[in-house]
Amino acid sequence: MAALSSSPLPSNMVRWSSQPWVSPYQHPVQGYGGTVKELEALPLVAIGCHLERLEPGVASCPLHSHMAEEEQFFVLSGTLTVRALEPGGAPRMFHLHAGEGVIYPAGTGLAHQFLNLSQADVQLMAMSDK
């Protein structure tokens, strides 16, 4: 077995703990919030990835869907409330807990919005094609 290295990490590895939490919005958007840790420095060509934190009482974005972008979300801690809307249906709410996730294939019209209705922070991993 190789010895543990004390040198800097290779370019394809990241320490989330060393990345700053930043606002995902260049301009504040009333009613929406949360913070993200972007992975801009990783050499990813087709996949985008970030860690997202939603504080209690925060919604990440408006209800929306994507025509050309696929997305995956995995809850790392806390209880995430997902507002979901299927084409032709009525909006519904679901809870996702740590270790659970949801996918949104491109062009399906499956709309989503994430909210934190709990009293503790929610952290999730978000991945999508670029």
C-alpha atoms as a PDB file:
ATOM      1  CA  MET A   1       0.000   0.000   0.000  1.00  0.00           C
ATOM      2  CA  ALA A   2       1.273   3.477  -0.874  1.00  0.00           C
ATOM      3  CA  ALA A   3       2.077   5.965   1.864  1.00  0.00           C
ATOM      4  CA  LEU A   4      -0.246   8.936   2.358  1.00  0.00           C
ATOM      5  CA  SER A   5       0.982  11.994   0.508  1.00  0.00           C
ATOM      6  CA  SER A   6       1.418  15.374   2.173  1.00  0.00           C
ATOM      7  CA  SER A   7       1.695  17.183  -1.163  1.00  0.00           C
ATOM      8  CA  PRO A   8      -1.194  19.186  -2.690  1.00  0.00           C
ATOM      9  CA  LEU A   9      -4.126  17.224  -4.083  1.00  0.00           C
ATOM     10  CA  PRO A  10      -4.130  16.268  -7.765  1.00  0.00           C
ATOM     11  CA  SER A  11      -6.219  18.519 -10.051  1.00  0.00           C
ATOM     12  CA  ASN A  12      -9.102  16.017 -10.114  1.00  0.00           C
ATOM     13  CA  MET A  13      -9.645  16.076  -6.317  1.00  0.00           C
ATOM     14  CA  VAL A  14     -11.222  18.727  -4.135  1.00  0.00           C
ATOM     15  CA  ARG A  15     -11.566  19.400  -0.425  1.00  0.00           C
ATOM     16  CA  TRP A  16     -15.067  20.789   0.054  1.00  0.00           C
ATOM     17  CA  SER A  17     -13.974  22.169   3.427  1.00  0.00           C
ATOM     18  CA  SER A  18     -11.496  24.528   1.730  1.00  0.00           C
ATOM     19  CA  GLN A  19     -14.074  25.965  -0.702  1.00  0.00           C
ATOM     20  CA  PRO A  20     -15.971  29.124   0.348  1.00  0.00           C
ATOM     21  CA  TRP A  21     -19.768  29.256   0.591  1.00  0.00           C
ATOM     22  CA  VAL A  22     -21.010  31.856  -1.922  1.00  0.00           C
ATOM     23  CA  SER A  23     -24.374  33.123  -3.125  1.00  0.00           C
ATOM     24  CA  PRO A  24     -25.572  31.451  -6.329  1.00  0.00           C
ATOM     25  CA  TYR A  25     -27.105  34.756  -7.402  1.00  0.00           C
ATOM     26  CA  GLN A  26     -25.095  37.664  -8.832  1.00  0.00           C
ATOM     27  CA  HIS A  27     -27.945  39.928  -7.754  1.00  0.00           C
ATOM     28  CA  PRO A  28     -30.126  39.155  -4.720  1.00  0.00           C
ATOM     29  CA  VAL A  29     -33.420  37.500  -5.654  1.00  0.00           C
ATOM     30  CA  GLN A  30     -36.247  38.215  -3.214  1.00  0.00           C
ATOM     31  CA  GLY A  31     -37.528  35.076  -1.544  1.00  0.00           C
ATOM     32  CA  TYR A  32     -34.679  32.818  -2.702  1.00  0.00           C
ATOM     33  CA  GLY A  33     -31.387  32.085  -1.061  1.00  0.00           C
ATOM     34  CA  GLY A  34     -28.979  29.444   0.041  1.00  0.00           C
ATOM     35  CA  THR A  35     -25.283  29.246  -0.647  1.00  0.00           C
ATOM     36  CA  VAL A  36     -23.135  27.010  -2.838  1.00  0.00           C
ATOM     37  CA  LYS A  37     -19.601  25.653  -3.071  1.00  0.00           C
ATOM     38  CA  GLU A  38     -18.713  25.532  -6.775  1.00  0.00           C
ATOM     39  CA  LEU A  39     -16.234  23.120  -8.342  1.00  0.00           C
ATOM     40  CA  GLU A  40     -15.085  25.468 -11.092  1.00  0.00           C
ATOM     41  CA  ALA A  41     -11.445  24.424 -10.645  1.00  0.00           C
ATOM     42  CA  LEU A  42     -12.051  20.757 -11.479  1.00  0.00           C
ATOM     43  CA  PRO A  43     -11.327  19.742 -15.081  1.00  0.00           C
ATOM     44  CA  LEU A  44     -14.916  18.705 -15.878  1.00  0.00           C
ATOM     45  CA  VAL A  45     -16.010  18.990 -19.502  1.00  0.00           C
ATOM     46  CA  ALA A  46     -19.573  17.631 -19.580  1.00  0.00           C
ATOM     47  CA  ILE A  47     -20.681  17.623 -15.917  1.00  0.00           C
ATOM     48  CA  GLY A  48     -21.308  20.545 -13.581  1.00  0.00           C
ATOM     49  CA  CYS A  49     -21.284  19.984  -9.831  1.00  0.00           C
ATOM     50  CA  HIS A  50     -21.743  22.004  -6.663  1.00  0.00           C
ATOM     51  CA  LEU A  51     -22.540  21.556  -3.001  1.00  0.00           C
ATOM     52  CA  GLU A  52     -25.621  23.522  -1.933  1.00  0.00           C
ATOM     53  CA  ARG A  53     -26.708  24.635   1.548  1.00  0.00           C
ATOM     54  CA  LEU A  54     -30.234  25.810   2.301  1.00  0.00           C
ATOM     55  CA  GLU A  55     -30.793  27.525   5.611  1.00  0.00           C
ATOM     56  CA  PRO A  56     -34.139  27.098   7.423  1.00  0.00           C
ATOM     57  CA  GLY A  57     -37.001  28.888   5.677  1.00  0.00           C
ATOM     58  CA  VAL A  58     -35.162  29.257   2.355  1.00  0.00           C
ATOM     59  CA  ALA A  59     -36.224  28.258  -1.170  1.00  0.00           C
ATOM     60  CA  SER A  60     -33.419  27.648  -3.652  1.00  0.00           C
ATOM     61  CA  CYS A  61     -35.209  28.924  -6.770  1.00  0.00           C
ATOM     62  CA  PRO A  62     -38.629  29.301  -8.407  1.00  0.00           C
ATOM     63  CA  LEU A  63     -40.505  26.237  -9.651  1.00  0.00           C
ATOM     64  CA  HIS A  64     -38.922  25.409 -13.035  1.00  0.00           C
ATOM     65  CA  SER A  65     -37.996  22.691 -15.534  1.00  0.00           C
ATOM     66  CA  HIS A  66     -35.279  22.296 -18.179  1.00  0.00           C
ATOM     67  CA  MET A  67     -35.616  21.451 -21.853  1.00  0.00           C
ATOM     68  CA  ALA A  68     -31.950  20.625 -22.494  1.00  0.00           C
ATOM     69  CA  GLU A  69     -30.322  20.098 -19.087  1.00  0.00           C
ATOM     70  CA  GLU A  70     -30.319  16.913 -17.013  1.00  0.00           C
ATOM     71  CA  GLU A  71     -29.959  17.289 -13.254  1.00  0.00           C
ATOM     72  CA  GLN A  72     -29.352  15.023 -10.255  1.00  0.00           C
ATOM     73  CA  PHE A  73     -29.609  16.001  -6.597  1.00  0.00           C
ATOM     74  CA  PHE A  74     -28.550  13.987  -3.553  1.00  0.00           C
ATOM     75  CA  VAL A  75     -29.350  15.048   0.010  1.00  0.00           C
ATOM     76  CA  LEU A  76     -26.269  14.860   2.236  1.00  0.00           C
ATOM     77  CA  SER A  77     -27.798  16.157   5.471  1.00  0.00           C
ATOM     78  CA  GLY A  78     -31.119  17.431   6.737  1.00  0.00           C
ATOM     79  CA  THR A  79     -34.617  17.163   5.278  1.00  0.00           C
ATOM     80  CA  LEU A  80     -35.197  18.715   1.877  1.00  0.00           C
ATOM     81  CA  THR A  81     -38.733  19.558   0.772  1.00  0.00           C
ATOM     82  CA  VAL A  82     -39.213  19.127  -2.976  1.00  0.00           C
ATOM     83  CA  ARG A  83     -42.071  20.894  -4.700  1.00  0.00           C
ATOM     84  CA  ALA A  84     -42.733  18.843  -7.842  1.00  0.00           C
ATOM     85  CA  LEU A  85     -44.982  19.412 -10.824  1.00  0.00           C
ATOM     86  CA  GLU A  86     -45.549  16.805 -13.514  1.00  0.00           C
ATOM     87  CA  PRO A  87     -46.915  17.966 -16.902  1.00  0.00           C
ATOM     88  CA  GLY A  88     -50.694  18.258 -16.659  1.00  0.00           C
ATOM     89  CA  GLY A  89     -50.681  17.672 -12.896  1.00  0.00           C
ATOM     90  CA  ALA A  90     -50.954  19.758  -9.759  1.00  0.00           C
ATOM     91  CA  PRO A  91     -47.934  20.717  -7.625  1.00  0.00           C
ATOM     92  CA  ARG A  92     -47.088  18.208  -4.866  1.00  0.00           C
ATOM     93  CA  MET A  93     -44.598  18.275  -1.979  1.00  0.00           C
ATOM     94  CA  PHE A  94     -42.223  15.488  -0.930  1.00  0.00           C
ATOM     95  CA  HIS A  95     -39.536  15.151   1.743  1.00  0.00           C
ATOM     96  CA  LEU A  96     -36.105  13.756   0.890  1.00  0.00           C
ATOM     97  CA  HIS A  97     -33.683  12.828   3.683  1.00  0.00           C
ATOM     98  CA  ALA A  98     -29.923  12.261   3.846  1.00  0.00           C
ATOM     99  CA  GLY A  99     -28.950   9.491   1.434  1.00  0.00           C
ATOM    100  CA  GLU A 100     -31.932  10.073  -0.869  1.00  0.00           C
ATOM    101  CA  GLY A 101     -32.017  11.849  -4.207  1.00  0.00           C
ATOM    102  CA  VAL A 102     -33.967  12.839  -7.275  1.00  0.00           C
ATOM    103  CA  ILE A 103     -33.214  13.081 -11.010  1.00  0.00           C
ATOM    104  CA  TYR A 104     -34.686  15.306 -13.711  1.00  0.00           C
ATOM    105  CA  PRO A 105     -34.174  14.043 -17.285  1.00  0.00           C
ATOM    106  CA  ALA A 106     -33.981  16.794 -19.921  1.00  0.00           C
ATOM    107  CA  GLY A 107     -37.088  17.685 -21.875  1.00  0.00           C
ATOM    108  CA  THR A 108     -39.596  15.868 -19.637  1.00  0.00           C
ATOM    109  CA  GLY A 109     -41.286  18.992 -18.285  1.00  0.00           C
ATOM    110  CA  LEU A 110     -40.811  17.731 -14.700  1.00  0.00           C
ATOM    111  CA  ALA A 111     -40.709  20.985 -12.734  1.00  0.00           C
ATOM    112  CA  HIS A 112     -39.025  21.293  -9.344  1.00  0.00           C
ATOM    113  CA  GLN A 113     -38.260  23.684  -6.524  1.00  0.00           C
ATOM    114  CA  PHE A 114     -36.296  22.985  -3.346  1.00  0.00           C
ATOM    115  CA  LEU A 115     -37.256  24.375   0.048  1.00  0.00           C
ATOM    116  CA  ASN A 116     -35.990  23.981   3.572  1.00  0.00           C
ATOM    117  CA  LEU A 117     -39.061  23.917   5.816  1.00  0.00           C
ATOM    118  CA  SER A 118     -37.135  22.383   8.721  1.00  0.00           C
ATOM    119  CA  GLN A 119     -35.267  24.042  11.602  1.00  0.00           C
ATOM    120  CA  ALA A 120     -31.787  22.848  10.493  1.00  0.00           C
ATOM    121  CA  ASP A 121     -29.589  23.448   7.437  1.00  0.00           C
ATOM    122  CA  VAL A 122     -29.981  21.127   4.448  1.00  0.00           C
ATOM    123  CA  GLN A 123     -26.951  20.203   2.337  1.00  0.00           C
ATOM    124  CA  LEU A 124     -27.227  18.596  -1.071  1.00  0.00           C
ATOM    125  CA  MET A 125     -24.979  17.710  -3.997  1.00  0.00           C
ATOM    126  CA  ALA A 126     -26.193  19.045  -7.337  1.00  0.00           C
ATOM    127  CA  MET A 127     -24.924  17.668 -10.651  1.00  0.00           C
ATOM    128  CA  SER A 128     -25.938  18.490 -14.204  1.00  0.00           C
ATOM    129  CA  ASP A 129     -24.643  18.407 -17.729  1.00  0.00           C
ATOM    130  CA  LYS A 130     -23.068  21.651 -18.893  1.00  0.00           C
END
